[in-house]
């Protein structure tokens, strides 16, 4: 973005989408850097009201330059021609599958999910799958998971796009127990596949959940609340299906690319007038 700021002529209108704004607790230097980049734009798109508030209140952008246009669903993953079968490491599950998917990082609350899963008495055959490429030492988490009564399967490697559909379709409940974060590609993947989801109320997640009750919302870093939501939804198939239906509706509506493209084009037309 800094290079773009220098190379794009000032006489041309400039619009930037802020996929990432700043760390959760930014330093003064980080905010100054964000201010230099975003402040040179005629308009900045945030994907949530939470992100827009950060641009105004922390970065210091004038409110009239900040617009909210949601992130779109990752529906391209649902339309692949060369989908792979379910990885053999995950084959054979007989009960509900609770899935945590994506890069494994400390802020994503894997430890919170393992603790929560250990506090519930799920239906027979229920499994927890933790799938994704580790960006942290997971040995301690694997040891903690091995002590649980319920089955926990790990697939700690890079997952190519062609393997994602089978994993998502087999999952009954997608869980994002993040401690912080502004957005998540996994969240928009869940919407694309119409999955029942339990997600933390961080960043823009809550706005997605409240759009037509598209997901079940829980407080971050709260294993008791997370356990309650997971226990309820693994035990109640009809509740899962209703939640999944609302996720699919949100994914094809507010978070569908047609709606987002129209709103983005409206902004482009506005800044070039």
Protein backbone atom coordinates (compact mmCIF):
# COMPACT_ATOMS: atom_id res chain seq x y z
CA UNK A 1 0.00 0.00 0.00
CA UNK A 2 2.82 2.42 0.74
CA UNK A 3 4.29 1.83 -2.73
CA UNK A 4 0.86 2.30 -4.32
CA UNK A 5 0.50 5.57 -2.46
CA UNK A 6 3.68 6.88 -4.08
CA UNK A 7 3.12 5.49 -7.57
CA UNK A 8 -0.54 6.32 -8.20
CA UNK A 9 -0.78 9.95 -9.38
CA UNK A 10 -2.49 12.30 -6.94
CA UNK A 11 -4.74 13.59 -9.71
CA UNK A 12 -6.47 10.18 -9.87
CA UNK A 13 -9.07 9.19 -7.25
CA UNK A 14 -7.75 6.46 -4.98
CA UNK A 15 -9.83 3.88 -3.11
CA UNK A 16 -8.32 1.23 -0.85
CA UNK A 17 -9.93 -1.76 0.84
CA UNK A 18 -8.61 -2.19 4.38
CA UNK A 19 -8.43 -5.94 4.85
CA UNK A 20 -6.05 -5.31 7.75
CA UNK A 21 -5.89 -2.05 9.69
CA UNK A 22 -3.50 -2.45 12.62
CA UNK A 23 -2.70 -4.88 15.46
CA UNK A 24 -5.27 -5.18 18.28
CA UNK A 25 -3.19 -2.92 20.53
CA UNK A 26 -1.18 -0.83 18.05
CA UNK A 27 1.79 1.31 18.95
CA UNK A 28 1.88 5.00 18.11
CA UNK A 29 4.29 4.24 15.27
CA UNK A 30 1.95 1.62 13.80
CA UNK A 31 -0.95 4.05 13.89
CA UNK A 32 1.14 6.76 12.23
CA UNK A 33 2.10 4.34 9.48
CA UNK A 34 -1.54 3.36 8.97
CA UNK A 35 -2.48 7.03 8.91
CA UNK A 36 0.05 7.78 6.17
CA UNK A 37 -1.21 4.95 3.97
CA UNK A 38 -4.95 5.27 4.50
CA UNK A 39 -4.87 9.04 4.81
CA UNK A 40 -3.65 9.37 1.23
CA UNK A 41 -6.81 7.72 -0.09
CA UNK A 42 -9.99 9.43 -1.23
CA UNK A 43 -12.01 6.60 0.30
CA UNK A 44 -11.21 3.56 2.40
CA UNK A 45 -13.46 0.50 2.48
CA UNK A 46 -13.77 -1.35 5.79
CA UNK A 47 -15.44 -4.74 5.89
CA UNK A 48 -17.30 -4.04 9.15
CA UNK A 49 -18.51 -1.24 11.38
CA UNK A 50 -15.88 -2.36 13.88
CA UNK A 51 -13.17 -1.83 11.28
CA UNK A 52 -14.66 1.51 10.25
CA UNK A 53 -14.59 2.65 13.88
CA UNK A 54 -10.91 1.78 14.11
CA UNK A 55 -10.16 3.76 10.97
CA UNK A 56 -11.96 6.79 12.38
CA UNK A 57 -11.07 6.60 16.05
CA UNK A 58 -7.59 5.07 16.05
CA UNK A 59 -6.15 5.97 12.65
CA UNK A 60 -7.90 9.35 12.58
CA UNK A 61 -9.55 9.26 9.16
CA UNK A 62 -12.44 11.66 8.52
CA UNK A 63 -15.74 9.81 8.75
CA UNK A 64 -16.84 10.80 5.25
CA UNK A 65 -13.87 8.93 3.76
CA UNK A 66 -14.68 5.63 5.44
CA UNK A 67 -17.26 3.26 3.93
CA UNK A 68 -18.43 -0.15 5.07
CA UNK A 69 -18.81 -2.84 2.41
CA UNK A 70 -18.80 -6.45 3.65
CA UNK A 71 -16.32 -9.08 2.63
CA UNK A 72 -17.76 -11.57 0.17
CA UNK A 73 -18.18 -15.31 0.61
CA UNK A 74 -15.55 -17.71 -0.72
CA UNK A 75 -18.05 -19.34 -3.05
CA UNK A 76 -15.40 -20.30 -5.61
CA UNK A 77 -14.55 -23.16 -3.25
CA UNK A 78 -18.02 -24.64 -3.77
CA UNK A 79 -17.70 -24.73 -7.56
CA UNK A 80 -14.43 -26.58 -8.19
CA UNK A 81 -14.28 -29.20 -10.91
CA UNK A 82 -11.54 -31.31 -9.34
CA UNK A 83 -12.70 -31.72 -5.75
CA UNK A 84 -10.68 -34.24 -3.76
CA UNK A 85 -12.28 -36.89 -1.55
CA UNK A 86 -12.20 -36.58 2.22
CA UNK A 87 -8.61 -37.11 3.43
CA UNK A 88 -8.18 -40.65 4.80
CA UNK A 89 -7.09 -39.22 8.17
CA UNK A 90 -10.66 -37.92 8.58
CA UNK A 91 -12.62 -40.82 7.12
CA UNK A 92 -15.05 -42.95 9.10
CA UNK A 93 -16.69 -40.50 11.50
CA UNK A 94 -20.11 -41.81 12.56
CA UNK A 95 -21.50 -38.94 14.65
CA UNK A 96 -21.58 -35.14 14.48
CA UNK A 97 -18.30 -33.49 13.48
CA UNK A 98 -17.19 -30.22 15.10
CA UNK A 99 -14.62 -28.55 12.86
CA UNK A 100 -11.96 -25.95 13.51
CA UNK A 101 -10.31 -25.06 10.21
CA UNK A 102 -7.53 -22.79 8.97
CA UNK A 103 -4.03 -21.76 9.90
CA UNK A 104 -3.37 -22.77 13.50
CA UNK A 105 -2.28 -19.68 15.42
CA UNK A 106 -2.34 -18.76 19.13
CA UNK A 107 -4.97 -16.03 18.76
CA UNK A 108 -7.47 -18.47 17.27
CA UNK A 109 -8.25 -20.03 20.64
CA UNK A 110 -7.56 -23.69 19.90
CA UNK A 111 -6.86 -24.21 23.60
CA UNK A 112 -10.24 -22.68 24.46
CA UNK A 113 -12.00 -25.08 22.09
CA UNK A 114 -10.19 -28.12 23.48
CA UNK A 115 -11.08 -27.07 27.03
CA UNK A 116 -14.71 -26.48 26.01
CA UNK A 117 -14.94 -29.84 24.24
CA UNK A 118 -13.71 -31.52 27.40
CA UNK A 119 -16.58 -30.01 29.39
CA UNK A 120 -19.42 -31.42 27.33
CA UNK A 121 -21.03 -34.84 27.04
CA UNK A 122 -21.73 -34.90 23.30
CA UNK A 123 -23.82 -37.46 21.42
CA UNK A 124 -22.13 -40.80 20.83
CA UNK A 125 -19.67 -40.68 17.96
CA UNK A 126 -19.15 -36.91 18.08
CA UNK A 127 -15.68 -35.87 16.93
CA UNK A 128 -13.65 -32.68 17.04
CA UNK A 129 -11.51 -32.06 13.98
CA UNK A 130 -8.67 -29.54 14.08
CA UNK A 131 -7.52 -29.03 10.52
CA UNK A 132 -4.94 -26.64 9.09
CA UNK A 133 -1.31 -25.70 8.77
CA UNK A 134 0.32 -24.99 12.17
CA UNK A 135 1.95 -21.62 12.73
CA UNK A 136 2.73 -22.51 16.34
CA UNK A 137 3.89 -25.42 18.48
CA UNK A 138 0.83 -27.65 18.85
CA UNK A 139 2.40 -30.49 20.85
CA UNK A 140 0.94 -29.27 24.16
CA UNK A 141 -2.49 -28.89 22.58
CA UNK A 142 -2.32 -32.39 21.14
CA UNK A 143 -1.43 -33.78 24.55
CA UNK A 144 -4.36 -31.94 26.14
CA UNK A 145 -6.71 -33.21 23.43
CA UNK A 146 -5.52 -36.80 23.91
CA UNK A 147 -6.75 -36.70 27.51
CA UNK A 148 -10.34 -35.91 26.51
CA UNK A 149 -13.11 -38.50 26.47
CA UNK A 150 -14.33 -37.45 23.04
CA UNK A 151 -12.44 -38.22 19.86
CA UNK A 152 -10.18 -35.46 18.54
CA UNK A 153 -8.61 -35.80 15.11
CA UNK A 154 -5.80 -33.59 13.84
CA UNK A 155 -4.86 -32.88 10.25
CA UNK A 156 -2.01 -30.40 10.87
CA UNK A 157 -0.88 -29.61 7.34
CA UNK A 158 -1.53 -27.31 4.42
CA UNK A 159 -4.99 -27.96 2.97
CA UNK A 160 -5.22 -27.23 -0.78
CA UNK A 161 -8.42 -25.73 -2.13
CA UNK A 162 -9.52 -28.98 -3.76
CA UNK A 163 -9.63 -30.73 -0.36
CA UNK A 164 -11.70 -28.07 1.38
CA UNK A 165 -15.18 -28.95 0.01
CA UNK A 166 -15.21 -32.53 1.32
CA UNK A 167 -14.02 -31.40 4.75
CA UNK A 168 -16.57 -28.60 4.96
CA UNK A 169 -19.46 -30.73 3.76
CA UNK A 170 -18.72 -33.48 6.28
CA UNK A 171 -18.58 -31.03 9.19
CA UNK A 172 -21.81 -30.53 11.11
CA UNK A 173 -20.62 -27.51 13.09
CA UNK A 174 -17.85 -25.02 12.25
CA UNK A 175 -16.30 -23.29 15.26
CA UNK A 176 -14.19 -20.10 15.30
CA UNK A 177 -13.22 -19.54 18.96
CA UNK A 178 -10.90 -16.62 18.18
CA UNK A 179 -9.50 -14.36 20.89
CA UNK A 180 -9.20 -11.46 18.47
CA UNK A 181 -9.27 -10.68 14.77
CA UNK A 182 -10.99 -8.33 12.37
CA UNK A 183 -12.07 -10.76 9.64
CA UNK A 184 -11.60 -14.42 8.74
CA UNK A 185 -11.55 -16.24 5.45
CA UNK A 186 -12.79 -19.33 7.31
CA UNK A 187 -15.92 -17.42 8.35
CA UNK A 188 -16.73 -16.54 4.74
CA UNK A 189 -15.97 -20.10 3.69
CA UNK A 190 -18.51 -21.29 6.25
CA UNK A 191 -21.12 -18.93 4.82
CA UNK A 192 -20.40 -20.17 1.29
CA UNK A 193 -20.98 -23.77 2.35
CA UNK A 194 -24.00 -22.89 4.48
CA UNK A 195 -22.52 -24.29 7.69
CA UNK A 196 -23.91 -23.99 11.19
CA UNK A 197 -21.28 -21.92 13.00
CA UNK A 198 -20.31 -20.87 16.51
CA UNK A 199 -18.05 -17.80 16.42
CA UNK A 200 -16.43 -15.42 18.90
CA UNK A 201 -17.69 -11.87 19.22
CA UNK A 202 -14.48 -10.19 18.01
CA UNK A 203 -13.82 -7.63 15.27
CA UNK A 204 -16.45 -7.83 12.58
CA UNK A 205 -17.57 -11.37 13.46
CA UNK A 206 -20.53 -10.17 15.51
CA UNK A 207 -21.90 -8.17 12.59
CA UNK A 208 -21.87 -11.29 10.44
CA UNK A 209 -23.58 -13.34 13.15
CA UNK A 210 -26.29 -10.71 13.64
CA UNK A 211 -27.07 -10.56 9.92
CA UNK A 212 -30.17 -12.70 9.89
CA UNK A 213 -28.86 -14.68 12.89
CA UNK A 214 -26.36 -16.30 10.53
CA UNK A 215 -24.19 -17.76 13.32
CA UNK A 216 -24.23 -18.45 17.05
CA UNK A 217 -22.20 -15.82 18.89
CA UNK A 218 -20.14 -16.47 22.04
CA UNK A 219 -17.79 -14.34 24.13
CA UNK A 220 -14.10 -14.79 23.32
CA UNK A 221 -11.90 -16.77 25.70
CA UNK A 222 -14.94 -18.23 27.49
CA UNK A 223 -14.82 -22.06 27.44
CA UNK A 224 -18.04 -22.39 29.45
CA UNK A 225 -20.10 -20.36 26.97
CA UNK A 226 -18.45 -22.10 24.04
CA UNK A 227 -19.12 -25.50 25.59
CA UNK A 228 -22.79 -24.64 26.04
CA UNK A 229 -23.22 -23.64 22.40
CA UNK A 230 -21.34 -26.67 21.06
CA UNK A 231 -23.23 -29.05 23.36
CA UNK A 232 -26.60 -27.66 22.29
CA UNK A 233 -25.88 -27.74 18.58
CA UNK A 234 -24.25 -31.17 18.48
CA UNK A 235 -27.28 -32.60 20.29
CA UNK A 236 -29.96 -30.84 18.22
CA UNK A 237 -29.83 -31.61 14.52
CA UNK A 238 -32.84 -29.45 13.71
CA UNK A 239 -31.25 -26.44 15.42
CA UNK A 240 -28.08 -27.00 13.40
CA UNK A 241 -30.06 -27.18 10.18
CA UNK A 242 -31.93 -23.96 10.95
CA UNK A 243 -28.65 -22.19 11.71
CA UNK A 244 -27.09 -23.58 8.54
CA UNK A 245 -30.03 -22.32 6.50
CA UNK A 246 -29.61 -18.82 7.87
CA UNK A 247 -25.88 -18.93 7.09
CA UNK A 248 -26.61 -19.94 3.50
CA UNK A 249 -29.16 -17.13 3.15
CA UNK A 250 -26.66 -14.56 4.42
CA UNK A 251 -24.01 -15.94 2.09
CA UNK A 252 -26.20 -15.53 -0.97
CA UNK A 253 -27.59 -12.17 0.15
CA UNK A 254 -25.69 -9.46 2.02
CA UNK A 255 -22.38 -11.31 1.67
CA UNK A 256 -22.95 -12.39 -1.93
CA UNK A 257 -20.73 -10.89 -4.60
CA UNK A 258 -23.55 -9.34 -6.61
CA UNK A 259 -24.54 -7.11 -3.69
CA UNK A 260 -20.94 -6.29 -2.85
CA UNK A 261 -20.05 -5.47 -6.47
CA UNK A 262 -22.99 -3.08 -6.75
CA UNK A 263 -22.03 -1.24 -3.56
CA UNK A 264 -18.39 -1.05 -4.61
CA UNK A 265 -19.28 0.32 -8.05
CA UNK A 266 -21.51 2.94 -6.43
CA UNK A 267 -18.52 4.12 -4.37
CA UNK A 268 -16.22 4.20 -7.40
CA UNK A 269 -18.74 6.29 -9.31
CA UNK A 270 -19.02 8.66 -6.38
CA UNK A 271 -15.28 9.32 -6.09
CA UNK A 272 -14.74 9.88 -9.82
CA UNK A 273 -17.48 12.51 -10.12
